[in-house]
């Protein structure tokens, strides 16, 4: 191995990787979409969403300290349960990460359209990218690929510079906007109510407006866990630092967006807001032309940093899945000099291009991605409880206090968030995962008996998926039964708790305890 391949990522670069992934195109769009959905109560959506992700990240950190593996996020439940149980989570996680890459390219082009209005008809048609816009987005995706192609060192150097820029631009923008125009009355402008659309809008905002998509960037740190120095210390610290820093930035942006709007724009409610490039258009309304120029630059830089992090993460996920025999071993070929599987990288970029041509706008991907992410999150609380039962206590170097209780609560809340998504999307997602699983079992099985054994290993999990689909169909607003929001949450919590108990049951045998690799 060369010296370059042994290059390790320290605490600050690891934190910057997380920040670069979390503050992407989300800050350019999410404050607008969140306000449009929940009004000023969108601030609660950010706090609740970030709180859930922070607890999830700490659970992740406990597992990553035990198993500092390349692409760990894709194989956690394969380690804790079995490859058939882990496969649907791995697929959901991997596809959700890959799909972010074209979304960031979409965001850059969507913002730059307002800079060149004469080109709009060539770049943007019927609320989606036109052929020329697709070509420009394709060029951006190739750039993301090339930077990752040259390995960890070029990636971390690029991310360090980009992350610093991405921290200060949103902060400065929020502070200046608040200083120039702030209408406190906007926070209760609709029906004289801070929460005009109820609690349901707060939770809906978390999954439909890009909040989950944004904070899911923390997984980039986990994916690099095998390349982070002193992982027992640096992984938890970098996770907490990146999430907290980004939460503060997003809250300031949300406050500035709500407070700066001319009160006359809210006379018909938050739902009537209509922006294409929200932050730039808001700066234009306030006459902040210098800020507009900076935002145009950031519309290229912020998505670039996020796309770089996600390109690297998805590459490591596919490599890890290959090592676990979930995908062909062809992808498990790490370059001896640059420390990255170029085969995995190129395949992911090709898949990202497919997503680009299938979903041609930022908003069309945000909701689908949120559901992919939430589904993949569910593996963490399940795995954590199993590891607590099966890993020798001496192996734990980092333990989250009250881990089992936190895991159960996270599983219940994520189950609830999944069920309040649009039924058509939930149904199609579960159907897609089922098809992938059937193909995987067919390819892995040599006989009907072995196929039956494989189905037994993941059957209960899929019963849970189908139960979530039925609950989504029964959820308020989807079904004529009109179950109240409170009763629906209780019903979902009971179902999720029962499945959580069933899916984490395991017989601990001292002779067959899971052992952790030396670090």
Foldseek 3Di string as FASTA:
>chain_A
DDPQLLAFAEQLLLLLLLLLQQQFLCLQFQLLLLCLQWNLLLLVLLVVLLVLLLLLLQLLLQVCLQAVAALCLLCLLCQLFNCLQSLLLNVLVLVLLLQLLLLLLLLLLLLCCVVPVVCCVQADDPRFGHPVVLVSSLVLLVVLLVQPVQADVSLSVLSSVLSVLSLPLLVVLLVVLCVLFFAPQLCLLPVNDNGNPDPVSSLLSNQQRQSLSSNVSLCLSSNCSNRHPPSNPSSSSSSVVNSVSVSVSSSSSSNSLSGNDDSVQDPVHSNPDDDRRRSLVSCVVSVVVVSNVSVSVSSSSSSSSSSSSSLQSSQSSVLVCCVSVLDPVLQVDADPNRRTRSVSSVVSSVVNSVSCVVGGHNSVSRNLSSLSSLSSSLSSLLSSLSLVQFEDPVSRPRDDPPSNVSSLVSLLSSLVSNLQRDLVSLVVSLVVSVVSSVVSLVVVDPDPVSSVVSCVSNVLVNVLSVVSSVLSCVDAPNDPVRDDNVVSSVVSSVSSNVSSVVSNDDDYDPVDGDHGDDD
